Amino acid sequence: MGNFIYLFSQWLLSYCVVKLLGFEDAGILSLATAIAGSFIGISLYGMRNFQVSDIEGKYPDKTYIVSRFVTSGISLVVCMAFVAFNAYSLYISVCILVYMCFKISESVSDVYQGILQKAMRMDYIGRSFIAKGLVTLAAFVVAISLTQNLLIGIVVLGISSFAIVFFYDRRKARKFSPVEKDVAWRPSVTALLKECLPIAVFVLIFNMIAQVPRYFLEINMGVEALGIYATIAMPVVIVQVSASFVFAPLTTPFAQHLSDGNIEGFKALFKKVVLFIAGLSVVSLVGFGILGDWILVLLFGPVIEPYTYLLIPLVICTILVAASWFLSMILVVLRKLKSLLFTSIASFAVVAAGSMPCILSFGQNGASFILIIGLTVYALSNIIVVIYEVRSRAQGTKTPV
């Protein structure tokens, strides 16, 4: 429920911008989301699944915490360099950088939540999501309502999020990790960052896979076209949220099955999640196919009706993103890190090479079409890796990393 409320609140941020400030500001927020969504991968470093599947405690908790502050600083510097290179207007540049700071608050929260997840206290994580979702949404809406200024809204968004991370997430995590007594973390930070480097590169590339088509869409068709595209995409976030209900908390159980040598239990759990995603996909496609146009007009008014044809391809994209998230988590648990990296590079190459031609040929839908192709390449490649690895482990043979 916490996950749902938080992600739904994030969707409402964009919705409120459309209703209160218009498509141009929605486009700026979407651009900030796309850019920050790409570079936040550096901060997250792909470490959450690695952290919560570290059943034997190879690295102390403080190592994960300190490494997160290191990677967050690097991600902010890289984002600043990207913004300077693209020479956006001062207002847009500041919006992007402040939004990046907000995303860093999520990244810091993530490492504390990893400690709670290992302790199987998902209830604390749920409460954190609920608090952040409701408080940040309320603060943001009040700010843009009073000031009619997107930048001020993003500043308030970041401050309120950091406050909850510091006063709730950090304090709850310390109940299960006496980090103040931890003295062995310093030498292991470098070792942890080195071991997780393939995952970090994967996360950066995978986030860019989803954002590159939007980046080229803004370049080719303008910020307002991007705002319309992002507005159509808003309702389909429910698909990703529903999928995350199932597999987000399952990293530790998957890792425990492997640690116990219970390959059959691993396979049974894997099949259940796959069946859930398949069922969710059918329901989503049918539901949005029948009610999608009506929902969009209800939410955004008749002005959105000429663009409802963008919806179904975006639903397919969202389904593939959800499936890809799950497969990525499985490969991390299996410690197939190089495979994870190679498949993401192949998918990124497809999307990067095909984005501009697809957008020029199919307009806004071109961004969805190329993403569907790239994610399909990624998902099929990883399915092959998972099947091969699980069979090898069942037979007791060792496979390359």
Protein backbone atom coordinates (compact mmCIF):
# COMPACT_ATOMS: atom_id res chain seq x y z
CA MET A 1 0.00 0.00 0.00
CA GLY A 2 2.86 2.36 0.75
CA ASN A 3 4.42 1.69 -2.63
CA PHE A 4 1.11 2.32 -4.36
CA ILE A 5 0.39 5.55 -2.46
CA TYR A 6 3.87 6.94 -3.10
CA LEU A 7 3.96 6.19 -6.81
CA PHE A 8 0.39 7.37 -7.25
CA SER A 9 1.40 10.59 -5.49
CA GLN A 10 4.28 10.98 -7.95
CA TRP A 11 1.78 10.60 -10.78
CA LEU A 12 -0.43 13.24 -9.17
CA LEU A 13 2.50 15.67 -9.16
CA SER A 14 2.52 15.63 -12.96
CA TYR A 15 -1.26 15.70 -13.12
CA CYS A 16 -1.43 18.79 -10.89
CA VAL A 17 1.19 20.54 -12.99
CA VAL A 18 -0.90 19.94 -16.12
CA LYS A 19 -4.07 21.21 -14.46
CA LEU A 20 -2.56 24.17 -12.57
CA LEU A 21 0.33 25.29 -14.79
CA GLY A 22 -0.31 23.86 -18.27
CA PHE A 23 1.43 21.65 -20.83
CA GLU A 24 4.59 23.75 -21.09
CA ASP A 25 5.43 23.38 -17.40
CA ALA A 26 4.38 19.73 -17.63
CA GLY A 27 6.94 19.37 -20.41
CA ILE A 28 9.64 20.98 -18.25
CA LEU A 29 8.80 18.62 -15.38
CA SER A 30 8.84 15.66 -17.77
CA LEU A 31 12.24 16.74 -19.11
CA ALA A 32 13.56 17.09 -15.56
CA THR A 33 12.13 13.66 -14.72
CA ALA A 34 13.72 12.09 -17.80
CA ILE A 35 17.16 13.57 -17.18
CA ALA A 36 17.20 13.02 -13.41
CA GLY A 37 15.71 9.56 -13.98
CA SER A 38 18.71 8.73 -16.13
CA PHE A 39 21.44 10.00 -13.80
CA ILE A 40 19.89 8.84 -10.53
CA GLY A 41 21.10 5.40 -11.60
CA ILE A 42 24.60 6.56 -10.70
CA SER A 43 23.44 7.40 -7.19
CA LEU A 44 21.47 4.19 -6.70
CA TYR A 45 24.37 2.23 -8.21
CA GLY A 46 22.04 -0.73 -8.65
CA MET A 47 22.86 -1.67 -5.09
CA ARG A 48 19.44 -2.32 -3.51
CA ASN A 49 18.96 -5.86 -4.79
CA PHE A 50 22.63 -6.63 -4.06
CA GLN A 51 22.26 -5.19 -0.55
CA VAL A 52 19.13 -7.09 0.44
CA SER A 53 20.44 -10.34 -1.07
CA ASP A 54 23.67 -10.04 0.94
CA ILE A 55 22.33 -12.67 3.31
CA GLU A 56 25.70 -13.52 4.83
CA GLY A 57 26.62 -9.88 5.54
CA LYS A 58 29.68 -9.64 3.35
CA TYR A 59 29.58 -5.85 3.73
CA PRO A 60 28.46 -4.00 6.89
CA ASP A 61 25.48 -1.70 6.70
CA LYS A 62 27.54 1.45 7.10
CA THR A 63 29.48 0.51 3.99
CA TYR A 64 26.26 0.64 1.99
CA ILE A 65 25.28 3.95 3.59
CA VAL A 66 28.60 5.71 3.02
CA SER A 67 28.85 4.41 -0.54
CA ARG A 68 25.41 5.91 -1.24
CA PHE A 69 26.57 9.38 -0.24
CA VAL A 70 29.62 8.99 -2.47
CA THR A 71 27.59 7.91 -5.50
CA SER A 72 24.97 10.61 -4.88
CA GLY A 73 27.61 13.32 -5.05
CA ILE A 74 28.96 11.89 -8.30
CA SER A 75 25.48 11.69 -9.85
CA LEU A 76 24.77 15.36 -9.09
CA VAL A 77 28.05 16.47 -10.68
CA VAL A 78 27.37 14.40 -13.81
CA CYS A 79 23.84 15.82 -14.07
CA MET A 80 25.23 19.36 -13.80
CA ALA A 81 27.69 18.66 -16.60
CA PHE A 82 24.93 17.26 -18.82
CA VAL A 83 22.71 20.28 -18.25
CA ALA A 84 25.57 22.66 -19.03
CA PHE A 85 26.41 20.75 -22.21
CA ASN A 86 22.84 20.99 -23.51
CA ALA A 87 22.65 24.74 -22.82
CA TYR A 88 19.07 24.75 -21.55
CA SER A 89 17.62 28.07 -20.37
CA LEU A 90 18.56 29.08 -16.83
CA TYR A 91 15.06 28.36 -15.51
CA ILE A 92 14.89 24.88 -17.06
CA SER A 93 18.45 24.09 -15.92
CA VAL A 94 17.69 25.00 -12.30
CA CYS A 95 14.44 22.98 -12.40
CA ILE A 96 16.36 19.93 -13.61
CA LEU A 97 19.10 20.23 -10.97
CA VAL A 98 16.69 20.82 -8.09
CA TYR A 99 14.60 17.85 -9.24
CA MET A 100 17.81 15.81 -9.31
CA CYS A 101 18.35 16.74 -5.65
CA PHE A 102 14.84 15.48 -4.90
CA LYS A 103 15.67 12.17 -6.61
CA ILE A 104 18.82 11.92 -4.50
CA SER A 105 16.60 12.03 -1.41
CA GLU A 106 14.88 8.91 -2.77
CA SER A 107 18.28 7.29 -3.30
CA VAL A 108 19.36 7.97 0.28
CA SER A 109 16.03 6.61 1.50
CA ASP A 110 16.61 3.49 -0.60
CA VAL A 111 19.76 2.46 1.27
CA TYR A 112 18.06 2.82 4.66
CA GLN A 113 15.10 0.85 3.37
CA GLY A 114 17.51 -1.87 2.27
CA ILE A 115 18.51 -2.33 5.91
CA LEU A 116 14.85 -2.55 6.91
CA GLN A 117 14.09 -5.03 4.11
CA LYS A 118 16.90 -7.36 5.22
CA ALA A 119 15.33 -7.29 8.68
CA MET A 120 11.97 -8.11 7.01
CA ARG A 121 10.41 -4.94 8.41
CA MET A 122 8.57 -3.98 5.25
CA ASP A 123 5.92 -2.31 7.42
CA TYR A 124 8.34 0.50 8.24
CA ILE A 125 9.12 0.92 4.54
CA GLY A 126 5.41 1.06 3.77
CA ARG A 127 4.84 3.78 6.35
CA SER A 128 7.76 5.74 4.95
CA PHE A 129 6.29 5.58 1.44
CA ILE A 130 2.89 6.69 2.72
CA ALA A 131 4.36 9.62 4.63
CA LYS A 132 6.58 10.74 1.73
CA GLY A 133 3.77 10.35 -0.77
CA LEU A 134 1.20 12.38 1.15
CA VAL A 135 3.52 15.02 2.59
CA THR A 136 5.50 15.73 -0.58
CA LEU A 137 2.35 15.85 -2.71
CA ALA A 138 0.60 18.24 -0.33
CA ALA A 139 3.65 20.48 -0.05
CA PHE A 140 4.17 20.57 -3.81
CA VAL A 141 0.53 21.33 -4.64
CA VAL A 142 0.31 24.10 -2.04
CA ALA A 143 3.54 25.63 -3.34
CA ILE A 144 2.56 25.74 -7.02
CA SER A 145 -0.99 26.84 -6.17
CA LEU A 146 0.24 29.82 -4.18
CA THR A 147 3.14 30.81 -6.41
CA GLN A 148 2.19 29.49 -9.88
CA ASN A 149 5.90 28.61 -10.14
CA LEU A 150 7.14 25.12 -10.95
CA LEU A 151 10.66 25.72 -9.60
CA ILE A 152 9.41 26.71 -6.14
CA GLY A 153 7.22 23.61 -6.13
CA ILE A 154 10.22 21.37 -6.87
CA VAL A 155 12.29 23.04 -4.14
CA VAL A 156 9.53 22.40 -1.59
CA LEU A 157 9.21 18.83 -2.90
CA GLY A 158 12.89 18.12 -2.25
CA ILE A 159 12.97 19.71 1.22
CA SER A 160 9.92 17.78 2.43
CA SER A 161 11.32 14.50 1.09
CA PHE A 162 14.73 14.95 2.73
CA ALA A 163 13.02 15.77 6.05
CA ILE A 164 11.19 12.42 6.09
CA VAL A 165 14.33 10.50 5.08
CA PHE A 166 16.31 12.07 7.91
CA PHE A 167 13.70 11.96 10.66
CA TYR A 168 12.03 8.63 9.80
CA ASP A 169 14.00 6.32 7.48
CA ARG A 170 17.36 6.94 9.14
CA ARG A 171 16.02 6.55 12.68
CA LYS A 172 14.12 3.34 11.92
CA ALA A 173 17.10 1.77 10.12
CA ARG A 174 19.33 2.40 13.13
CA LYS A 175 17.11 0.12 15.22
CA PHE A 176 18.36 -2.82 13.16
CA SER A 177 21.88 -1.61 12.39
CA PRO A 178 24.07 -0.04 15.06
CA VAL A 179 25.95 1.94 12.41
CA GLU A 180 27.50 4.26 14.98
CA LYS A 181 29.47 1.28 16.36
CA ASP A 182 30.52 0.03 12.93
CA VAL A 183 34.30 0.42 12.54
CA ALA A 184 35.09 -1.89 9.61
CA TRP A 185 33.32 -0.05 6.82
CA ARG A 186 36.08 2.24 5.51
CA PRO A 187 38.22 -0.32 3.62
CA SER A 188 35.16 -2.05 2.22
CA VAL A 189 33.52 0.94 0.50
CA THR A 190 35.91 0.75 -2.44
CA ALA A 191 35.52 -3.03 -2.62
CA LEU A 192 31.72 -2.75 -2.62
CA LEU A 193 31.69 -0.07 -5.32
CA LYS A 194 34.04 -2.16 -7.44
CA GLU A 195 31.98 -5.34 -7.06
CA CYS A 196 28.73 -3.53 -7.88
CA LEU A 197 30.18 -1.55 -10.79
CA PRO A 198 28.60 -3.80 -13.47
CA ILE A 199 25.20 -3.32 -11.77
CA ALA A 200 25.75 0.43 -11.57
CA VAL A 201 26.55 0.67 -15.26
CA PHE A 202 23.52 -1.48 -15.99
CA VAL A 203 21.20 0.77 -13.93
CA LEU A 204 22.52 3.88 -15.65
CA ILE A 205 22.08 2.33 -19.09
CA PHE A 206 18.68 0.82 -18.30
CA ASN A 207 17.32 4.12 -17.00
CA MET A 208 18.61 5.78 -20.14
CA ILE A 209 16.86 3.18 -22.30
CA ALA A 210 13.52 4.48 -21.04
CA GLN A 211 14.51 8.15 -21.17
CA VAL A 212 16.44 8.42 -24.46
CA PRO A 213 13.29 8.34 -26.64
CA ARG A 214 11.83 11.22 -24.59
CA TYR A 215 15.08 13.14 -24.90
CA PHE A 216 14.98 12.86 -28.71
CA LEU A 217 11.25 13.61 -28.72
CA GLU A 218 11.89 16.94 -26.97
CA ILE A 219 14.73 17.79 -29.36
CA ASN A 220 12.68 16.96 -32.46
CA MET A 221 9.15 18.08 -31.50
CA GLY A 222 9.59 20.49 -28.59
CA VAL A 223 8.85 20.58 -24.87
CA GLU A 224 5.06 20.88 -25.32
CA ALA A 225 4.91 17.69 -27.42
CA LEU A 226 6.91 15.95 -24.69
CA GLY A 227 4.47 17.29 -22.11
CA ILE A 228 1.51 15.83 -24.01
CA TYR A 229 3.30 12.48 -24.40
CA ALA A 230 4.14 12.40 -20.68
CA THR A 231 0.56 13.32 -19.80
CA ILE A 232 -0.81 10.37 -21.78
CA ALA A 233 1.71 8.13 -20.03
CA MET A 234 0.55 9.12 -16.55
CA PRO A 235 -2.38 6.69 -16.05
CA VAL A 236 -0.40 3.62 -17.12
CA VAL A 237 1.92 3.93 -14.11
CA ILE A 238 -0.66 1.75 -12.33
CA VAL A 239 0.71 -1.24 -14.26
CA GLN A 240 4.24 -0.79 -12.92
CA VAL A 241 2.92 -0.12 -9.42
CA SER A 242 0.83 -3.30 -9.44
CA ALA A 243 3.77 -5.37 -10.66
CA SER A 244 6.03 -3.91 -7.98
CA PHE A 245 3.54 -5.09 -5.33
CA VAL A 246 4.63 -8.62 -6.08
CA PHE A 247 8.33 -8.67 -6.87
CA ALA A 248 9.81 -5.67 -5.03
CA PRO A 249 9.76 -7.43 -1.62
CA LEU A 250 10.86 -10.81 -3.03
CA THR A 251 14.59 -10.21 -3.50
CA THR A 252 15.50 -11.64 -0.10
CA PRO A 253 13.27 -14.76 -0.46
CA PHE A 254 14.77 -15.48 -3.89
CA ALA A 255 18.27 -15.10 -2.44
CA GLN A 256 17.36 -17.30 0.53
CA HIS A 257 16.19 -20.09 -1.80
CA LEU A 258 19.54 -20.00 -3.59
CA SER A 259 21.47 -19.87 -0.31
CA ASP A 260 19.56 -22.93 0.90
CA GLY A 261 20.07 -24.75 -2.41
CA ASN A 262 16.31 -24.88 -2.92
CA ILE A 263 16.24 -24.54 -6.71
CA GLU A 264 12.71 -25.91 -6.95
CA GLY A 265 11.46 -23.27 -4.53
CA PHE A 266 13.26 -20.61 -6.57
CA LYS A 267 11.65 -21.85 -9.79
CA ALA A 268 8.18 -22.05 -8.23
CA LEU A 269 8.39 -18.47 -6.96
CA PHE A 270 9.70 -17.30 -10.33
CA LYS A 271 6.77 -18.92 -12.16
CA LYS A 272 4.24 -17.30 -9.82
CA VAL A 273 5.61 -13.83 -10.51
CA VAL A 274 5.70 -14.45 -14.27
CA LEU A 275 2.07 -15.59 -14.22
CA PHE A 276 1.10 -12.50 -12.25
CA ILE A 277 2.82 -10.18 -14.74
CA ALA A 278 1.17 -12.04 -17.64
CA GLY A 279 -2.27 -11.73 -16.07
CA LEU A 280 -1.68 -8.08 -15.25
CA SER A 281 -0.67 -7.46 -18.86
CA VAL A 282 -3.90 -8.93 -20.23
CA VAL A 283 -6.04 -6.96 -17.77
CA SER A 284 -4.13 -3.74 -18.52
CA LEU A 285 -4.38 -4.03 -22.30
CA VAL A 286 -8.08 -4.90 -22.23
CA GLY A 287 -8.90 -2.32 -19.58
CA PHE A 288 -7.06 0.57 -21.21
CA GLY A 289 -8.30 -0.53 -24.64
CA ILE A 290 -11.91 -0.21 -23.51
CA LEU A 291 -11.74 2.64 -20.99
CA GLY A 292 -8.48 4.41 -21.79
CA ASP A 293 -9.87 7.22 -23.94
CA TRP A 294 -12.65 7.91 -21.45
CA ILE A 295 -10.20 8.00 -18.51
CA LEU A 296 -7.88 10.44 -20.28
CA VAL A 297 -10.70 12.81 -21.23
CA LEU A 298 -12.11 12.59 -17.70
CA LEU A 299 -8.72 13.46 -16.20
CA PHE A 300 -7.50 16.11 -18.63
CA GLY A 301 -10.55 17.28 -20.54
CA PRO A 302 -11.37 17.30 -24.29
CA VAL A 303 -8.02 18.95 -25.10
CA ILE A 304 -6.30 15.56 -24.69
CA GLU A 305 -8.70 13.62 -26.98
CA PRO A 306 -6.68 14.08 -30.22
CA TYR A 307 -3.72 12.34 -28.56
CA THR A 308 -5.37 9.28 -27.00
CA TYR A 309 -3.97 7.09 -29.80
CA LEU A 310 -0.65 7.25 -27.91
CA LEU A 311 -2.04 5.25 -24.99
CA ILE A 312 -1.87 1.55 -25.97
CA PRO A 313 1.78 1.60 -27.12
CA LEU A 314 2.63 3.25 -23.78
CA VAL A 315 0.77 0.49 -21.93
CA ILE A 316 2.90 -2.09 -23.76
CA CYS A 317 6.04 -0.13 -22.83
CA THR A 318 5.01 -0.13 -19.18
CA ILE A 319 4.38 -3.88 -19.17
CA LEU A 320 7.82 -4.49 -20.66
CA VAL A 321 9.46 -2.16 -18.13
CA ALA A 322 7.82 -4.07 -15.27
CA ALA A 323 8.97 -7.42 -16.69
CA SER A 324 12.47 -6.03 -17.22
CA TRP A 325 12.67 -4.81 -13.62
CA PHE A 326 11.81 -8.29 -12.41
CA LEU A 327 14.32 -10.02 -14.68
CA SER A 328 17.01 -7.57 -13.61
CA MET A 329 16.38 -8.38 -9.97
CA ILE A 330 16.65 -12.10 -10.71
CA LEU A 331 19.99 -11.70 -12.48
CA VAL A 332 21.38 -9.73 -9.54
CA VAL A 333 20.27 -12.45 -7.13
CA LEU A 334 21.92 -15.02 -9.41
CA ARG A 335 25.00 -12.74 -9.51
CA LYS A 336 24.97 -12.78 -13.33
CA LEU A 337 26.24 -9.23 -13.36
CA LYS A 338 28.16 -9.28 -16.63
CA SER A 339 25.19 -10.79 -18.42
CA LEU A 340 23.01 -8.03 -16.98
CA LEU A 341 25.42 -5.43 -18.30
CA PHE A 342 25.76 -6.93 -21.78
CA THR A 343 22.01 -7.29 -22.35
CA SER A 344 21.38 -3.70 -21.24
CA ILE A 345 24.08 -2.40 -23.58
CA ALA A 346 22.54 -4.28 -26.50
CA SER A 347 19.09 -2.88 -25.70
CA PHE A 348 20.43 0.64 -25.28
CA ALA A 349 22.22 0.46 -28.62
CA VAL A 350 18.94 -0.47 -30.32
CA VAL A 351 17.04 2.39 -28.67
CA ALA A 352 19.75 5.01 -29.19
CA ALA A 353 20.15 4.15 -32.86
CA GLY A 354 16.45 3.90 -33.57
CA SER A 355 14.91 6.75 -31.58
CA MET A 356 15.34 9.57 -34.07
CA PRO A 357 14.30 7.55 -37.15
CA CYS A 358 11.21 6.22 -35.35
CA ILE A 359 10.19 9.67 -34.10
CA LEU A 360 10.68 11.19 -37.53
CA SER A 361 8.58 8.40 -39.08
CA PHE A 362 5.83 7.96 -36.46
CA GLY A 363 5.89 11.17 -34.41
CA GLN A 364 5.26 10.82 -30.67
CA ASN A 365 4.34 7.16 -31.07
CA GLY A 366 7.82 6.57 -32.46
CA ALA A 367 9.23 7.06 -28.95
CA SER A 368 7.03 4.19 -27.75
CA PHE A 369 7.72 1.92 -30.73
CA ILE A 370 11.51 2.05 -30.34
CA LEU A 371 11.23 1.50 -26.59
CA ILE A 372 9.08 -1.58 -27.17
CA ILE A 373 11.72 -2.99 -29.54
CA GLY A 374 14.60 -2.25 -27.15
CA LEU A 375 12.88 -3.69 -24.08
CA THR A 376 11.86 -6.81 -26.00
CA VAL A 377 15.51 -7.41 -26.90
CA TYR A 378 16.45 -6.92 -23.25
CA ALA A 379 13.73 -9.18 -21.82
CA LEU A 380 14.25 -12.07 -24.24
CA SER A 381 18.02 -12.01 -23.72
CA ASN A 382 17.67 -12.12 -19.95
CA ILE A 383 15.07 -14.89 -20.03
CA ILE A 384 17.60 -17.04 -21.88
CA VAL A 385 20.28 -16.25 -19.28
CA VAL A 386 17.95 -17.07 -16.35
CA ILE A 387 16.81 -20.39 -17.85
CA TYR A 388 20.38 -21.45 -18.59
CA GLU A 389 21.67 -20.45 -15.15
CA VAL A 390 18.85 -22.11 -13.19
CA ARG A 391 19.22 -25.33 -15.16
CA SER A 392 22.97 -25.30 -14.55
CA ARG A 393 22.50 -24.83 -10.82
CA ALA A 394 19.91 -27.58 -10.69
CA GLN A 395 22.47 -29.90 -12.32
CA GLY A 396 25.17 -28.74 -9.95
CA THR A 397 27.40 -27.20 -12.63
CA LYS A 398 29.16 -23.84 -12.48
CA THR A 399 28.53 -21.22 -15.14
CA PRO A 400 30.56 -18.10 -15.99
CA VAL A 401 29.70 -14.83 -14.23
